[in-house]
Amino acid sequence: MPATVTEVTADGGMVLDRTVFYAASGEQPGDSGHLQCGNGSALAVTTATHTDGDKTRIVHIAADGKPLPAIGEVATARLDWEQRYRLMRMHSALHLLSITFAFPITGRSIGTQKGRLDFAMPEIPEDLAALESSLNAIP
């Protein structure tokens, strides 16, 4: 997706006028990928973040040491789709797990290879196989 660089940050990031990158939020990592710059060079984006509590401002953090495009330069944003897809699947799976286990959630972590939900359970449920079957039965 073509986008225009609207800001270059002191910490090696860029703000674009629009983006396909998900910014780190809710214990979920931000997207990575690259920007294909107007001069033909490619710039790796290691993550996307929100800064200063502004959820509308997404900063794309570039790989260390790489020159950043200038404000006003047009670049094409390309996601690491495999990573995005793995995170989407993990995120959805954890939502389904949270409705199957009817306990308050006290912590969580989402990654591409594994995810975790911490529950406030007075004790481990007796019939874990039934809970697993219930989870697997969700269409």
Protein backbone atom coordinates (compact mmCIF):
# COMPACT_ATOMS: atom_id res chain seq x y z
CA MET A 1 0.00 0.00 0.00
CA PRO A 2 1.54 3.37 -0.98
CA ALA A 3 1.87 5.83 1.91
CA THR A 4 3.55 9.16 2.54
CA VAL A 5 6.07 9.69 5.34
CA THR A 6 4.62 12.43 7.57
CA GLU A 7 7.16 12.32 10.39
CA VAL A 8 10.58 10.88 11.22
CA THR A 9 11.08 10.24 14.94
CA ALA A 10 14.24 10.54 17.02
CA ASP A 11 14.13 6.84 17.90
CA GLY A 12 14.52 5.63 14.31
CA GLY A 13 10.89 5.46 13.35
CA MET A 14 8.55 6.87 10.76
CA VAL A 15 4.91 7.87 10.83
CA LEU A 16 2.98 7.33 7.61
CA ASP A 17 -0.26 8.97 6.51
CA ARG A 18 -1.80 5.48 6.37
CA THR A 19 -0.61 1.98 7.12
CA VAL A 20 -1.40 -1.71 6.98
CA PHE A 21 0.79 -2.37 10.05
CA TYR A 22 -0.83 -3.32 13.38
CA ALA A 23 0.83 -1.48 16.25
CA ALA A 24 1.76 -3.41 19.40
CA SER A 25 -1.20 -3.39 21.76
CA GLY A 26 -2.93 -5.62 24.29
CA GLU A 27 0.10 -7.84 24.84
CA GLN A 28 0.25 -8.49 21.09
CA PRO A 29 3.43 -7.64 19.19
CA GLY A 30 3.40 -5.10 16.41
CA ASP A 31 3.70 -6.08 12.78
CA SER A 32 6.99 -6.27 10.93
CA GLY A 33 7.72 -6.09 7.23
CA HIS A 34 9.35 -3.50 5.01
CA LEU A 35 8.88 -0.26 3.16
CA GLN A 36 9.74 -0.11 -0.50
CA CYS A 37 10.98 3.46 -0.83
CA GLY A 38 10.52 5.69 -3.84
CA ASN A 39 14.24 5.56 -4.65
CA GLY A 40 14.04 1.77 -5.03
CA SER A 41 15.60 0.87 -1.69
CA ALA A 42 13.86 -1.42 0.80
CA LEU A 43 13.80 -0.58 4.50
CA ALA A 44 13.08 -3.31 7.07
CA VAL A 45 10.44 -2.43 9.66
CA THR A 46 11.06 -4.41 12.85
CA THR A 47 7.83 -3.41 14.64
CA ALA A 48 5.05 -0.87 14.77
CA THR A 49 4.14 0.89 18.00
CA HIS A 50 1.88 3.54 19.51
CA THR A 51 3.72 6.34 21.26
CA ASP A 52 2.73 8.97 23.77
CA GLY A 53 -0.58 7.20 24.43
CA ASP A 54 -1.91 8.25 21.01
CA LYS A 55 -3.61 5.18 19.48
CA THR A 56 -4.02 6.95 16.12
CA ARG A 57 -0.29 7.60 15.67
CA ILE A 58 1.55 4.47 14.54
CA VAL A 59 5.33 4.61 14.47
CA HIS A 60 7.11 2.15 12.18
CA ILE A 61 10.48 1.31 13.74
CA ALA A 62 13.21 0.73 11.18
CA ALA A 63 16.11 -1.69 11.45
CA ASP A 64 19.08 -0.08 13.20
CA GLY A 65 21.51 1.93 11.13
CA LYS A 66 19.43 2.21 8.00
CA PRO A 67 18.79 5.65 6.50
CA LEU A 68 15.16 6.69 6.80
CA PRO A 69 13.07 8.14 4.01
CA ALA A 70 12.50 11.89 4.08
CA ILE A 71 9.26 13.51 5.14
CA GLY A 72 7.01 13.66 2.09
CA GLU A 73 8.59 10.62 0.44
CA VAL A 74 6.19 7.96 -0.80
CA ALA A 75 6.86 4.36 0.20
CA THR A 76 4.93 1.13 -0.23
CA ALA A 77 4.26 -0.70 3.05
CA ARG A 78 4.47 -4.49 2.92
CA LEU A 79 3.64 -6.70 5.88
CA ASP A 80 5.38 -9.88 6.87
CA TRP A 81 2.10 -11.67 6.17
CA GLU A 82 3.19 -15.02 7.64
CA GLN A 83 3.87 -13.34 10.99
CA ARG A 84 0.57 -11.38 10.86
CA TYR A 85 -1.38 -14.54 10.06
CA ARG A 86 0.23 -16.53 12.91
CA LEU A 87 -0.54 -13.69 15.35
CA MET A 88 -4.15 -13.46 14.12
CA ARG A 89 -4.65 -17.19 14.61
CA MET A 90 -3.09 -17.15 18.08
CA HIS A 91 -5.15 -14.11 19.07
CA SER A 92 -8.38 -15.80 17.94
CA ALA A 93 -7.47 -19.06 19.70
CA LEU A 94 -6.88 -17.22 22.97
CA HIS A 95 -10.26 -15.48 22.67
CA LEU A 96 -11.92 -18.87 22.21
CA LEU A 97 -10.02 -20.27 25.18
CA SER A 98 -11.17 -17.32 27.31
CA ILE A 99 -14.84 -18.07 26.63
CA THR A 100 -14.41 -21.80 27.25
CA PHE A 101 -12.74 -21.28 30.63
CA ALA A 102 -15.21 -19.18 32.62
CA PHE A 103 -12.62 -17.67 34.95
CA PRO A 104 -11.27 -14.13 35.21
CA ILE A 105 -8.10 -13.55 33.20
CA THR A 106 -5.19 -12.21 35.22
CA GLY A 107 -2.50 -12.10 32.53
CA ARG A 108 -1.79 -12.86 28.90
CA SER A 109 0.88 -12.98 26.23
CA ILE A 110 0.51 -13.43 22.49
CA GLY A 111 3.31 -14.52 20.19
CA THR A 112 3.71 -16.21 16.84
CA GLN A 113 4.80 -19.57 18.30
CA LYS A 114 2.86 -19.65 21.56
CA GLY A 115 0.37 -17.71 23.59
CA ARG A 116 -0.63 -17.72 27.22
CA LEU A 117 -3.67 -16.84 29.32
CA ASP A 118 -3.46 -16.77 33.10
CA PHE A 119 -6.73 -17.51 34.88
CA ALA A 120 -7.82 -16.84 38.47
CA MET A 121 -8.95 -20.40 39.24
CA PRO A 122 -9.51 -21.56 42.81
CA GLU A 123 -8.40 -25.01 41.61
CA ILE A 124 -7.75 -26.80 38.35
CA PRO A 125 -11.07 -27.93 36.79
CA GLU A 126 -11.69 -31.66 37.20
CA ASP A 127 -12.77 -32.45 33.67
CA LEU A 128 -10.12 -30.87 31.42
CA ALA A 129 -11.01 -33.26 28.60
CA ALA A 130 -14.59 -31.87 28.54
CA LEU A 131 -13.24 -28.32 28.40
CA GLU A 132 -10.94 -29.30 25.55
CA SER A 133 -13.83 -30.94 23.68
CA SER A 134 -15.96 -27.82 24.22
CA LEU A 135 -13.17 -25.64 22.86
CA ASN A 136 -12.64 -27.88 19.83
CA ALA A 137 -16.38 -27.92 19.08
CA ILE A 138 -16.50 -24.16 18.46
CA PRO A 139 -17.02 -23.67 14.71
